[in-house]
Amino acid sequence: MAREADYQDDDILVISRNPLKGKLLLVTEDDEEIEVHLERDSAEALIGALAAFLAEGEGR
């Protein structure tokens, strides 16, 4: 079952610089924290997905 969580405008916590790894925090309606772990490839894929999402709202 899918749960909804919101991005809280926090920075990504850098865990390691070489190799690049980080953690993004999301919070559910019940104030449960969900950690999204990122590495370079997944961060780049996320940027692409976010850019495509934002483009959906451009000029429509």
PDB file of N, CA and C in Angstrom:
ATOM      1  N   MET A   1       0.848  -1.180   0.000  1.00  0.00           N
ATOM      2  CA  MET A   1       0.000   0.000   0.000  1.00  0.00           C
ATOM      3  C   MET A   1       0.890   1.238   0.000  1.00  0.00           C
ATOM      4  N   ALA A   2       0.617   2.151  -0.887  1.00  0.00           N
ATOM      5  CA  ALA A   2       1.416   3.368  -0.997  1.00  0.00           C
ATOM      6  C   ALA A   2       1.069   4.337   0.132  1.00  0.00           C
ATOM      7  N   ARG A   3       2.096   5.036   0.606  1.00  0.00           N
ATOM      8  CA  ARG A   3       1.891   6.080   1.606  1.00  0.00           C
ATOM      9  C   ARG A   3       2.292   7.413   0.989  1.00  0.00           C
ATOM     10  N   GLU A   4       1.632   8.463   1.408  1.00  0.00           N
ATOM     11  CA  GLU A   4       1.978   9.792   0.928  1.00  0.00           C
ATOM     12  C   GLU A   4       2.896  10.461   1.938  1.00  0.00           C
ATOM     13  N   ALA A   5       3.877  11.175   1.406  1.00  0.00           N
ATOM     14  CA  ALA A   5       4.797  11.915   2.254  1.00  0.00           C
ATOM     15  C   ALA A   5       5.147  13.216   1.551  1.00  0.00           C
ATOM     16  N   ASP A   6       5.481  14.217   2.328  1.00  0.00           N
ATOM     17  CA  ASP A   6       5.796  15.535   1.791  1.00  0.00           C
ATOM     18  C   ASP A   6       7.270  15.854   1.983  1.00  0.00           C
ATOM     19  N   TYR A   7       7.796  16.588   1.008  1.00  0.00           N
ATOM     20  CA  TYR A   7       9.142  17.124   1.093  1.00  0.00           C
ATOM     21  C   TYR A   7       9.070  18.363   1.980  1.00  0.00           C
ATOM     22  N   GLN A   8       9.980  18.500   2.928  1.00  0.00           N
ATOM     23  CA  GLN A   8       9.914  19.566   3.917  1.00  0.00           C
ATOM     24  C   GLN A   8      10.883  20.720   3.651  1.00  0.00           C
ATOM     25  N   ASP A   9      11.332  20.876   2.410  1.00  0.00           N
ATOM     26  CA  ASP A   9      12.260  21.952   2.042  1.00  0.00           C
ATOM     27  C   ASP A   9      13.607  21.838   2.754  1.00  0.00           C
ATOM     28  N   ASP A  10      13.982  20.651   3.130  1.00  0.00           N
ATOM     29  CA  ASP A  10      15.273  20.436   3.771  1.00  0.00           C
ATOM     30  C   ASP A  10      16.333  20.151   2.719  1.00  0.00           C
ATOM     31  N   ASP A  11      17.573  20.393   3.082  1.00  0.00           N
ATOM     32  CA  ASP A  11      18.687  20.035   2.218  1.00  0.00           C
ATOM     33  C   ASP A  11      18.906  18.534   2.254  1.00  0.00           C
ATOM     34  N   ILE A  12      19.601  18.040   1.260  1.00  0.00           N
ATOM     35  CA  ILE A  12      20.003  16.636   1.267  1.00  0.00           C
ATOM     36  C   ILE A  12      21.238  16.523   2.153  1.00  0.00           C
ATOM     37  N   LEU A  13      21.187  15.623   3.105  1.00  0.00           N
ATOM     38  CA  LEU A  13      22.310  15.389   3.996  1.00  0.00           C
ATOM     39  C   LEU A  13      23.344  14.551   3.253  1.00  0.00           C
ATOM     40  N   VAL A  14      24.535  15.093   3.087  1.00  0.00           N
ATOM     41  CA  VAL A  14      25.608  14.361   2.415  1.00  0.00           C
ATOM     42  C   VAL A  14      26.247  13.416   3.433  1.00  0.00           C
ATOM     43  N   ILE A  15      26.197  12.124   3.120  1.00  0.00           N
ATOM     44  CA  ILE A  15      26.766  11.101   3.990  1.00  0.00           C
ATOM     45  C   ILE A  15      28.207  10.817   3.588  1.00  0.00           C
ATOM     46  N   SER A  16      28.459  10.844   2.287  1.00  0.00           N
ATOM     47  CA  SER A  16      29.794  10.551   1.754  1.00  0.00           C
ATOM     48  C   SER A  16      29.996  11.379   0.496  1.00  0.00           C
ATOM     49  N   ARG A  17      31.211  11.870   0.309  1.00  0.00           N
ATOM     50  CA  ARG A  17      31.520  12.628  -0.905  1.00  0.00           C
ATOM     51  C   ARG A  17      32.181  11.756  -1.969  1.00  0.00           C
ATOM     52  N   ASN A  18      32.841  10.699  -1.567  1.00  0.00           N
ATOM     53  CA  ASN A  18      33.503   9.820  -2.533  1.00  0.00           C
ATOM     54  C   ASN A  18      33.401   8.379  -2.047  1.00  0.00           C
ATOM     55  N   PRO A  19      32.441   7.616  -2.509  1.00  0.00           N
ATOM     56  CA  PRO A  19      31.445   7.948  -3.537  1.00  0.00           C
ATOM     57  C   PRO A  19      30.354   8.840  -2.940  1.00  0.00           C
ATOM     58  N   LEU A  20      29.717   9.631  -3.808  1.00  0.00           N
ATOM     59  CA  LEU A  20      28.673  10.546  -3.379  1.00  0.00           C
ATOM     60  C   LEU A  20      27.437   9.766  -2.938  1.00  0.00           C
ATOM     61  N   LYS A  21      27.056   9.979  -1.675  1.00  0.00           N
ATOM     62  CA  LYS A  21      25.851   9.363  -1.107  1.00  0.00           C
ATOM     63  C   LYS A  21      25.190  10.383  -0.210  1.00  0.00           C
ATOM     64  N   GLY A  22      23.854  10.370  -0.192  1.00  0.00           N
ATOM     65  CA  GLY A  22      23.130  11.320   0.641  1.00  0.00           C
ATOM     66  C   GLY A  22      21.793  10.777   1.081  1.00  0.00           C
ATOM     67  N   LYS A  23      21.106  11.605   1.864  1.00  0.00           N
ATOM     68  CA  LYS A  23      19.824  11.204   2.433  1.00  0.00           C
ATOM     69  C   LYS A  23      18.878  12.397   2.376  1.00  0.00           C
ATOM     70  N   LEU A  24      17.666  12.160   1.870  1.00  0.00           N
ATOM     71  CA  LEU A  24      16.610  13.154   1.765  1.00  0.00           C
ATOM     72  C   LEU A  24      15.487  12.725   2.697  1.00  0.00           C
ATOM     73  N   LEU A  25      14.950  13.664   3.461  1.00  0.00           N
ATOM     74  CA  LEU A  25      13.923  13.343   4.439  1.00  0.00           C
ATOM     75  C   LEU A  25      12.547  13.753   3.927  1.00  0.00           C
ATOM     76  N   LEU A  26      11.589  12.818   4.021  1.00  0.00           N
ATOM     77  CA  LEU A  26      10.175  13.082   3.727  1.00  0.00           C
ATOM     78  C   LEU A  26       9.390  12.827   4.999  1.00  0.00           C
ATOM     79  N   VAL A  27       8.235  13.498   5.163  1.00  0.00           N
ATOM     80  CA  VAL A  27       7.436  13.336   6.372  1.00  0.00           C
ATOM     81  C   VAL A  27       5.990  13.035   5.977  1.00  0.00           C
ATOM     82  N   THR A  28       5.407  12.012   6.617  1.00  0.00           N
ATOM     83  CA  THR A  28       4.020  11.631   6.356  1.00  0.00           C
ATOM     84  C   THR A  28       3.067  12.497   7.177  1.00  0.00           C
ATOM     85  N   GLU A  29       1.768  12.353   6.910  1.00  0.00           N
ATOM     86  CA  GLU A  29       0.752  13.083   7.692  1.00  0.00           C
ATOM     87  C   GLU A  29       0.810  12.736   9.170  1.00  0.00           C
ATOM     88  N   ASP A  30       1.281  11.522   9.482  1.00  0.00           N
ATOM     89  CA  ASP A  30       1.391  11.073  10.872  1.00  0.00           C
ATOM     90  C   ASP A  30       2.726  11.460  11.491  1.00  0.00           C
ATOM     91  N   ASP A  31       3.462  12.351  10.828  1.00  0.00           N
ATOM     92  CA  ASP A  31       4.788  12.802  11.270  1.00  0.00           C
ATOM     93  C   ASP A  31       5.820  11.687  11.304  1.00  0.00           C
ATOM     94  N   GLU A  32       5.562  10.633  10.524  1.00  0.00           N
ATOM     95  CA  GLU A  32       6.563   9.577  10.390  1.00  0.00           C
ATOM     96  C   GLU A  32       7.584  10.029   9.351  1.00  0.00           C
ATOM     97  N   GLU A  33       8.855   9.847   9.668  1.00  0.00           N
ATOM     98  CA  GLU A  33       9.912  10.251   8.756  1.00  0.00           C
ATOM     99  C   GLU A  33      10.296   9.108   7.827  1.00  0.00           C
ATOM    100  N   ILE A  34      10.461   9.429   6.563  1.00  0.00           N
ATOM    101  CA  ILE A  34      10.909   8.468   5.563  1.00  0.00           C
ATOM    102  C   ILE A  34      12.209   8.991   4.989  1.00  0.00           C
ATOM    103  N   GLU A  35      13.257   8.187   5.067  1.00  0.00           N
ATOM    104  CA  GLU A  35      14.549   8.567   4.516  1.00  0.00           C
ATOM    105  C   GLU A  35      14.690   8.002   3.108  1.00  0.00           C
ATOM    106  N   VAL A  36      15.023   8.869   2.158  1.00  0.00           N
ATOM    107  CA  VAL A  36      15.285   8.454   0.793  1.00  0.00           C
ATOM    108  C   VAL A  36      16.798   8.520   0.617  1.00  0.00           C
ATOM    109  N   HIS A  37      17.417   7.366   0.417  1.00  0.00           N
ATOM    110  CA  HIS A  37      18.862   7.311   0.247  1.00  0.00           C
ATOM    111  C   HIS A  37      19.197   7.496  -1.230  1.00  0.00           C
ATOM    112  N   LEU A  38      20.173   8.361  -1.481  1.00  0.00           N
ATOM    113  CA  LEU A  38      20.566   8.683  -2.840  1.00  0.00           C
ATOM    114  C   LEU A  38      22.042   8.424  -3.064  1.00  0.00           C
ATOM    115  N   GLU A  39      22.372   8.060  -4.285  1.00  0.00           N
ATOM    116  CA  GLU A  39      23.752   8.053  -4.742  1.00  0.00           C
ATOM    117  C   GLU A  39      23.721   8.781  -6.077  1.00  0.00           C
ATOM    118  N   ARG A  40      24.855   9.010  -6.665  1.00  0.00           N
ATOM    119  CA  ARG A  40      24.925   9.885  -7.848  1.00  0.00           C
ATOM    120  C   ARG A  40      23.922   9.489  -8.936  1.00  0.00           C
ATOM    121  N   ASP A  41      23.854   8.222  -9.312  1.00  0.00           N
ATOM    122  CA  ASP A  41      22.964   7.801 -10.401  1.00  0.00           C
ATOM    123  C   ASP A  41      21.497   8.060 -10.073  1.00  0.00           C
ATOM    124  N   SER A  42      21.080   7.741  -8.846  1.00  0.00           N
ATOM    125  CA  SER A  42      19.678   7.951  -8.497  1.00  0.00           C
ATOM    126  C   SER A  42      19.365   9.442  -8.366  1.00  0.00           C
ATOM    127  N   ALA A  43      20.322  10.249  -7.914  1.00  0.00           N
ATOM    128  CA  ALA A  43      20.111  11.697  -7.828  1.00  0.00           C
ATOM    129  C   ALA A  43      19.956  12.293  -9.224  1.00  0.00           C
ATOM    130  N   GLU A  44      20.777  11.851 -10.164  1.00  0.00           N
ATOM    131  CA  GLU A  44      20.658  12.335 -11.540  1.00  0.00           C
ATOM    132  C   GLU A  44      19.321  11.930 -12.153  1.00  0.00           C
ATOM    133  N   ALA A  45      18.862  10.711 -11.882  1.00  0.00           N
ATOM    134  CA  ALA A  45      17.561  10.257 -12.385  1.00  0.00           C
ATOM    135  C   ALA A  45      16.433  11.074 -11.761  1.00  0.00           C
ATOM    136  N   LEU A  46      16.565  11.397 -10.478  1.00  0.00           N
ATOM    137  CA  LEU A  46      15.553  12.204  -9.800  1.00  0.00           C
ATOM    138  C   LEU A  46      15.490  13.607 -10.396  1.00  0.00           C
ATOM    139  N   ILE A  47      16.636  14.198 -10.689  1.00  0.00           N
ATOM    140  CA  ILE A  47      16.658  15.521 -11.323  1.00  0.00           C
ATOM    141  C   ILE A  47      15.918  15.476 -12.662  1.00  0.00           C
ATOM    142  N   GLY A  48      16.170  14.440 -13.450  1.00  0.00           N
ATOM    143  CA  GLY A  48      15.480  14.295 -14.739  1.00  0.00           C
ATOM    144  C   GLY A  48      13.977  14.158 -14.569  1.00  0.00           C
ATOM    145  N   ALA A  49      13.556  13.362 -13.608  1.00  0.00           N
ATOM    146  CA  ALA A  49      12.127  13.171 -13.366  1.00  0.00           C
ATOM    147  C   ALA A  49      11.477  14.471 -12.883  1.00  0.00           C
ATOM    148  N   LEU A  50      12.168  15.222 -12.031  1.00  0.00           N
ATOM    149  CA  LEU A  50      11.630  16.494 -11.545  1.00  0.00           C
ATOM    150  C   LEU A  50      11.543  17.523 -12.670  1.00  0.00           C
ATOM    151  N   ALA A  51      12.547  17.544 -13.546  1.00  0.00           N
ATOM    152  CA  ALA A  51      12.519  18.470 -14.681  1.00  0.00           C
ATOM    153  C   ALA A  51      11.344  18.141 -15.616  1.00  0.00           C
ATOM    154  N   ALA A  52      11.115  16.866 -15.857  1.00  0.00           N
ATOM    155  CA  ALA A  52       9.985  16.455 -16.702  1.00  0.00           C
ATOM    156  C   ALA A  52       8.658  16.832 -16.047  1.00  0.00           C
ATOM    157  N   PHE A  53       8.572  16.671 -14.742  1.00  0.00           N
ATOM    158  CA  PHE A  53       7.369  17.043 -14.000  1.00  0.00           C
ATOM    159  C   PHE A  53       7.114  18.545 -14.126  1.00  0.00           C
ATOM    160  N   LEU A  54       8.144  19.355 -13.913  1.00  0.00           N
ATOM    161  CA  LEU A  54       7.996  20.805 -13.997  1.00  0.00           C
ATOM    162  C   LEU A  54       7.641  21.251 -15.409  1.00  0.00           C
ATOM    163  N   ALA A  55       8.152  20.560 -16.406  1.00  0.00           N
ATOM    164  CA  ALA A  55       7.848  20.903 -17.798  1.00  0.00           C
ATOM    165  C   ALA A  55       6.378  20.676 -18.120  1.00  0.00           C
ATOM    166  N   GLU A  56       5.728  19.781 -17.412  1.00  0.00           N
ATOM    167  CA  GLU A  56       4.290  19.533 -17.626  1.00  0.00           C
ATOM    168  C   GLU A  56       3.466  20.778 -17.331  1.00  0.00           C
ATOM    169  N   GLY A  57       3.959  21.640 -16.466  1.00  0.00           N
ATOM    170  CA  GLY A  57       3.213  22.849 -16.111  1.00  0.00           C
ATOM    171  C   GLY A  57       3.584  24.064 -16.925  1.00  0.00           C
ATOM    172  N   GLU A  58       4.570  23.945 -17.780  1.00  0.00           N
ATOM    173  CA  GLU A  58       5.031  25.082 -18.583  1.00  0.00           C
ATOM    174  C   GLU A  58       4.104  25.323 -19.769  1.00  0.00           C
ATOM    175  N   GLY A  59       3.520  26.502 -19.830  1.00  0.00           N
ATOM    176  CA  GLY A  59       2.735  26.906 -20.990  1.00  0.00           C
ATOM    177  C   GLY A  59       1.513  26.074 -21.277  1.00  0.00           C
ATOM    178  N   ARG A  60       0.957  25.421 -20.288  1.00  0.00           N
ATOM    179  CA  ARG A  60      -0.233  24.590 -20.532  1.00  0.00           C
ATOM    180  C   ARG A  60      -1.409  25.153 -19.815  1.00  0.00           C
TER     181      ARG A  60
END
